[in-house]
């Protein structure tokens, strides 16, 4: 089986919560980032397909890996990334790490602890930021802040989609020990509205995820590329607002997303703050926002 079948979701980079190779990124860097995104999208579509069996999903993921490594041309979605990696002389490791996460999605449906969830993010989220940094020629020292940001973005998605993931895929990323601490089982995610106990659990996880943002907010000032600095500032700002919403709303009953006008406003403010911060030598977007508020 190849990946070029009817299983595709049709979702693109324009449908994501956060910018993917937006116009803020230098044009020469957009092609490899989009190739990486589309490779990941193909793998995600396979792992999340509601009617493909486990063997078929793993076969598609294997085809993506074989094509990425130049052993096959069966998976067209992997060819552009393979070519970009060769041109830029970059390792395929970040993409291979992603495939490990997608294989885990096929074979594992529960996470017992927060630590277990973070370990999953090590493969499902952190490689994305690391690849973008590598494309820009940024040092590995920037990975720490990037890992915090990408992990926060991943868990935001898990919290937004917790009911849908359980209902459609029988997959639960909410740590089981957090659910148990609040007297809840996974079946609580099937309800049209969260109980007070489940809501406390989900709000607590949103708060715990927000603790990653101070580290994540250092990324814009730690990267040398100005345009990447602005883009990552925008992403931090959007993540911060979404977590504020997730700490207050019920993702079972509400669609916890940002409207396009609000996202655009937040992006404009964050971009301006990033530019001011770079000029002033600030270490973090939070410092600029704090000074502006004062």
Protein backbone atom coordinates (compact mmCIF):
# COMPACT_ATOMS: atom_id res chain seq x y z
CA UNK A 1 0.00 0.00 0.00
CA UNK A 2 1.26 3.51 -0.81
CA UNK A 3 0.21 6.75 0.83
CA UNK A 4 -1.37 8.05 -2.36
CA UNK A 5 -4.88 6.73 -1.73
CA UNK A 6 -8.29 8.04 -0.73
CA UNK A 7 -7.45 8.15 2.98
CA UNK A 8 -6.20 11.76 2.77
CA UNK A 9 -8.06 14.24 5.01
CA UNK A 10 -7.60 17.21 2.69
CA UNK A 11 -6.28 19.30 5.57
CA UNK A 12 -3.48 21.73 4.71
CA UNK A 13 -1.15 24.14 6.48
CA UNK A 14 -3.85 26.81 6.19
CA UNK A 15 -6.11 24.77 8.50
CA UNK A 16 -3.72 24.62 11.44
CA UNK A 17 -4.06 26.50 14.74
CA UNK A 18 -0.68 28.13 14.28
CA UNK A 19 1.25 29.59 11.33
CA UNK A 20 3.14 27.12 9.15
CA UNK A 21 5.78 28.71 6.90
CA UNK A 22 3.78 31.93 6.80
CA UNK A 23 4.80 35.01 4.84
CA UNK A 24 6.88 36.04 7.83
CA UNK A 25 9.37 33.27 7.01
CA UNK A 26 12.04 34.05 4.39
CA UNK A 27 10.96 32.62 0.99
CA UNK A 28 14.06 30.42 0.68
CA UNK A 29 13.07 28.58 3.87
CA UNK A 30 9.40 28.00 3.08
CA UNK A 31 9.80 25.11 0.62
CA UNK A 32 11.65 22.77 3.03
CA UNK A 33 9.30 23.66 5.91
CA UNK A 34 6.23 23.00 3.76
CA UNK A 35 7.76 19.74 2.52
CA UNK A 36 8.24 18.67 6.14
CA UNK A 37 4.68 19.73 7.02
CA UNK A 38 3.17 17.81 4.09
CA UNK A 39 5.18 14.72 4.98
CA UNK A 40 3.87 14.98 8.54
CA UNK A 41 0.32 15.61 7.31
CA UNK A 42 0.41 12.44 5.20
CA UNK A 43 1.61 10.42 8.19
CA UNK A 44 -0.96 12.01 10.49
CA UNK A 45 -3.80 11.33 8.04
CA UNK A 46 -2.79 7.68 7.89
CA UNK A 47 -2.44 7.26 11.66
CA UNK A 48 -5.77 8.98 12.34
CA UNK A 49 -7.85 7.46 9.56
CA UNK A 50 -11.02 6.10 11.18
CA UNK A 51 -11.51 3.08 8.89
CA UNK A 52 -7.98 1.90 8.01
CA UNK A 53 -6.88 -1.11 10.04
CA UNK A 54 -3.68 -1.09 12.07
CA UNK A 55 -1.68 -3.07 9.51
CA UNK A 56 -2.64 -0.70 6.70
CA UNK A 57 -1.70 2.35 8.74
CA UNK A 58 1.69 0.91 9.61
CA UNK A 59 2.23 -0.03 5.96
CA UNK A 60 1.67 3.56 4.88
CA UNK A 61 4.05 4.85 7.55
CA UNK A 62 6.65 2.32 6.39
CA UNK A 63 6.24 3.50 2.80
CA UNK A 64 6.83 7.09 3.92
CA UNK A 65 10.01 6.07 5.72
CA UNK A 66 11.33 3.96 2.85
CA UNK A 67 10.76 6.80 0.39
CA UNK A 68 12.27 9.38 2.72
CA UNK A 69 15.42 7.28 2.99
CA UNK A 70 15.66 6.77 -0.76
CA UNK A 71 14.83 3.07 -0.74
CA UNK A 72 11.55 3.50 -2.64
CA UNK A 73 9.41 6.06 -4.47
CA UNK A 74 6.11 4.56 -3.28
CA UNK A 75 5.12 7.53 -1.10
CA UNK A 76 4.92 10.69 -3.19
CA UNK A 77 4.41 12.80 -0.05
CA UNK A 78 7.93 11.95 1.09
CA UNK A 79 9.76 12.78 -2.14
CA UNK A 80 9.81 16.61 -1.79
CA UNK A 81 11.17 16.36 1.76
CA UNK A 82 13.81 13.82 0.66
CA UNK A 83 14.92 16.23 -2.06
CA UNK A 84 15.02 19.21 0.30
CA UNK A 85 17.08 17.28 2.84
CA UNK A 86 19.59 16.38 0.16
CA UNK A 87 19.81 19.95 -1.11
CA UNK A 88 20.29 21.39 2.37
CA UNK A 89 22.47 18.49 3.54
CA UNK A 90 20.23 17.90 6.55
CA UNK A 91 19.62 14.68 8.43
CA UNK A 92 16.26 12.87 8.09
CA UNK A 93 16.26 12.23 11.87
CA UNK A 94 13.57 14.79 12.76
CA UNK A 95 11.21 13.25 10.21
CA UNK A 96 12.04 9.75 11.44
CA UNK A 97 11.26 10.86 14.99
CA UNK A 98 7.86 12.06 13.80
CA UNK A 99 7.17 8.68 12.24
CA UNK A 100 7.91 7.06 15.60
CA UNK A 101 5.17 9.22 17.14
CA UNK A 102 2.69 8.35 14.40
CA UNK A 103 3.42 4.64 14.82
CA UNK A 104 2.77 5.12 18.51
CA UNK A 105 -0.57 6.73 17.66
CA UNK A 106 -1.49 3.56 15.78
CA UNK A 107 -0.53 1.19 18.59
CA UNK A 108 -1.07 3.15 21.81
CA UNK A 109 -4.29 4.84 22.89
CA UNK A 110 -3.74 5.81 26.55
CA UNK A 111 -1.17 7.83 28.52
CA UNK A 112 -0.80 7.09 32.20
CA UNK A 113 1.08 10.15 33.39
CA UNK A 114 2.17 13.65 32.42
CA UNK A 115 5.73 12.35 32.01
CA UNK A 116 4.48 9.74 29.55
CA UNK A 117 2.69 12.45 27.58
CA UNK A 118 5.81 14.63 27.49
CA UNK A 119 7.82 11.65 26.22
CA UNK A 120 5.29 11.30 23.39
CA UNK A 121 5.74 15.00 22.60
CA UNK A 122 9.48 14.35 22.34
CA UNK A 123 8.66 12.59 19.07
CA UNK A 124 5.35 14.12 17.98
CA UNK A 125 6.09 17.82 18.54
CA UNK A 126 9.71 18.68 19.32
CA UNK A 127 11.11 17.48 15.96
CA UNK A 128 8.97 20.05 14.13
CA UNK A 129 10.57 23.04 15.82
CA UNK A 130 14.02 21.49 15.65
CA UNK A 131 13.67 21.01 11.90
CA UNK A 132 12.62 24.63 11.37
CA UNK A 133 15.62 25.77 13.41
CA UNK A 134 17.96 23.54 11.41
CA UNK A 135 16.60 24.93 8.14
CA UNK A 136 17.42 28.42 9.41
CA UNK A 137 20.90 27.37 10.50
CA UNK A 138 20.17 28.11 14.15
CA UNK A 139 22.31 26.37 16.82
CA UNK A 140 21.10 23.39 18.82
CA UNK A 141 21.14 25.63 21.91
CA UNK A 142 17.81 27.05 20.67
CA UNK A 143 16.17 23.63 20.93
CA UNK A 144 15.32 23.94 24.64
CA UNK A 145 12.97 26.90 24.14
CA UNK A 146 11.64 25.42 20.91
CA UNK A 147 10.89 22.10 22.61
CA UNK A 148 8.88 23.91 25.29
CA UNK A 149 6.90 25.81 22.66
CA UNK A 150 6.21 22.80 20.45
CA UNK A 151 5.17 20.69 23.44
CA UNK A 152 2.74 23.40 24.54
CA UNK A 153 1.25 23.56 21.04
CA UNK A 154 0.83 19.79 20.96
CA UNK A 155 -0.94 19.63 24.32
CA UNK A 156 -3.16 22.56 23.36
CA UNK A 157 -4.32 20.48 20.40
CA UNK A 158 -4.88 17.47 22.65
CA UNK A 159 -7.03 19.50 25.03
CA UNK A 160 -9.01 21.13 22.23
CA UNK A 161 -9.73 17.76 20.63
CA UNK A 162 -9.98 15.55 23.72
CA UNK A 163 -13.62 14.65 23.12
CA UNK A 164 -13.21 14.12 19.37
CA UNK A 165 -10.09 11.98 19.80
CA UNK A 166 -11.92 9.73 22.26
CA UNK A 167 -15.13 9.58 20.26
CA UNK A 168 -13.59 9.02 16.81
CA UNK A 169 -10.33 7.20 17.57
CA UNK A 170 -10.70 5.86 21.13
CA UNK A 171 -7.48 7.77 21.83
CA UNK A 172 -6.94 9.65 25.09
CA UNK A 173 -3.98 11.95 25.68
CA UNK A 174 -5.35 13.24 28.98
CA UNK A 175 -3.14 11.44 31.53
CA UNK A 176 -5.06 8.69 33.29
CA UNK A 177 -3.64 9.59 36.69
CA UNK A 178 -4.96 13.15 36.33
CA UNK A 179 -8.39 11.77 35.46
CA UNK A 180 -8.27 9.38 38.41
CA UNK A 181 -7.20 12.15 40.77
CA UNK A 182 -10.45 13.91 39.88
CA UNK A 183 -12.51 10.72 40.14
CA UNK A 184 -12.97 10.42 36.39
CA UNK A 185 -12.53 7.69 33.79
CA UNK A 186 -11.98 8.12 30.07
CA UNK A 187 -15.68 7.59 29.41
CA UNK A 188 -16.31 11.05 30.89
CA UNK A 189 -14.88 12.49 27.65
CA UNK A 190 -17.90 11.12 25.76
CA UNK A 191 -20.34 13.41 27.53
CA UNK A 192 -21.73 16.50 25.76
CA UNK A 193 -20.59 18.64 28.67
CA UNK A 194 -17.75 18.15 31.13
CA UNK A 195 -18.62 17.47 34.76
CA UNK A 196 -17.16 19.88 37.32
CA UNK A 197 -14.58 17.22 38.18
CA UNK A 198 -13.51 16.66 34.56
CA UNK A 199 -13.45 20.40 33.97
CA UNK A 200 -11.12 20.84 36.94
CA UNK A 201 -8.86 18.16 35.48
CA UNK A 202 -8.74 19.76 32.01
CA UNK A 203 -8.27 23.26 33.41
CA UNK A 204 -5.43 21.96 35.58
CA UNK A 205 -3.71 20.45 32.54
CA UNK A 206 -4.08 23.73 30.67
CA UNK A 207 -2.46 25.50 33.62
CA UNK A 208 0.35 22.98 33.69
CA UNK A 209 0.91 23.46 29.96
CA UNK A 210 1.03 27.24 30.46
CA UNK A 211 4.04 26.69 32.70
CA UNK A 212 5.99 25.84 29.53
CA UNK A 213 5.45 29.31 28.06
CA UNK A 214 8.07 31.30 30.01
CA UNK A 215 10.75 29.01 28.55
CA UNK A 216 9.06 29.02 25.14
CA UNK A 217 8.91 32.81 25.12
CA UNK A 218 12.71 32.97 25.12
CA UNK A 219 12.87 31.45 21.64
CA UNK A 220 12.16 34.64 19.63
CA UNK A 221 15.12 36.44 21.18
CA UNK A 222 17.41 33.41 21.04
CA UNK A 223 17.19 32.91 17.27
CA UNK A 224 19.39 34.97 14.97
CA UNK A 225 16.93 35.15 12.09
CA UNK A 226 14.70 38.21 12.52
CA UNK A 227 11.79 36.83 10.50
CA UNK A 228 11.81 33.58 12.47
CA UNK A 229 11.91 35.65 15.65
CA UNK A 230 8.73 37.44 14.61
CA UNK A 231 6.96 34.23 13.57
CA UNK A 232 7.78 32.46 16.82
CA UNK A 233 6.63 35.51 18.80
CA UNK A 234 3.28 35.28 17.04
CA UNK A 235 3.02 31.58 17.85
CA UNK A 236 3.83 32.17 21.52
CA UNK A 237 1.13 34.85 21.72
CA UNK A 238 -1.49 32.62 20.09
CA UNK A 239 -0.58 29.74 22.39
CA UNK A 240 -0.86 31.97 25.44
CA UNK A 241 -4.37 33.14 24.49
CA UNK A 242 -5.55 29.63 23.68
CA UNK A 243 -4.33 28.38 27.05
CA UNK A 244 -6.15 31.24 28.77
CA UNK A 245 -9.32 30.01 27.04
CA UNK A 246 -8.63 26.38 27.88
CA UNK A 247 -8.20 27.31 31.55
CA UNK A 248 -11.70 28.82 31.53
CA UNK A 249 -13.85 26.94 29.00
CA UNK A 250 -15.25 23.45 28.49
CA UNK A 251 -13.69 21.82 25.39
CA UNK A 252 -16.41 19.16 25.42
CA UNK A 253 -19.18 21.72 25.06
CA UNK A 254 -17.38 24.57 23.28
CA UNK A 255 -15.14 24.88 20.26
CA UNK A 256 -12.10 26.43 21.93
CA UNK A 257 -10.45 28.20 19.02
CA UNK A 258 -9.48 31.75 18.11
CA UNK A 259 -11.52 33.65 15.57
CA UNK A 260 -9.60 34.85 12.53
CA UNK A 261 -9.96 38.53 13.49
CA UNK A 262 -8.72 37.90 17.04
CA UNK A 263 -5.85 35.74 15.80
CA UNK A 264 -4.86 38.48 13.34
CA UNK A 265 -4.96 41.11 16.08
CA UNK A 266 -2.87 39.00 18.44
CA UNK A 267 -0.41 38.27 15.64
CA UNK A 268 0.01 41.96 14.80
CA UNK A 269 0.60 42.88 18.43
CA UNK A 270 3.06 40.03 18.93
CA UNK A 271 4.98 40.91 15.78
CA UNK A 272 5.29 44.52 16.90
CA UNK A 273 6.36 43.43 20.38
CA UNK A 274 9.00 41.14 18.86
CA UNK A 275 10.48 43.93 16.78
CA UNK A 276 10.48 46.32 19.73
CA UNK A 277 12.03 43.64 21.90
CA UNK A 278 14.82 42.94 19.42
CA UNK A 279 15.59 46.63 19.19
CA UNK A 280 15.57 47.02 22.98
CA UNK A 281 17.54 43.84 23.63
CA UNK A 282 14.72 42.25 25.64
CA UNK A 283 15.02 38.55 26.38
CA UNK A 284 11.36 37.68 26.04
CA UNK A 285 8.11 38.81 24.46
CA UNK A 286 6.63 38.81 27.97
CA UNK A 287 9.08 41.53 29.02
CA UNK A 288 7.94 43.75 26.15
CA UNK A 289 4.27 43.15 26.93
CA UNK A 290 4.87 43.86 30.62
CA UNK A 291 6.69 47.11 29.86
CA UNK A 292 3.99 48.16 27.41
CA UNK A 293 1.26 47.46 29.97
CA UNK A 294 3.12 49.51 32.59
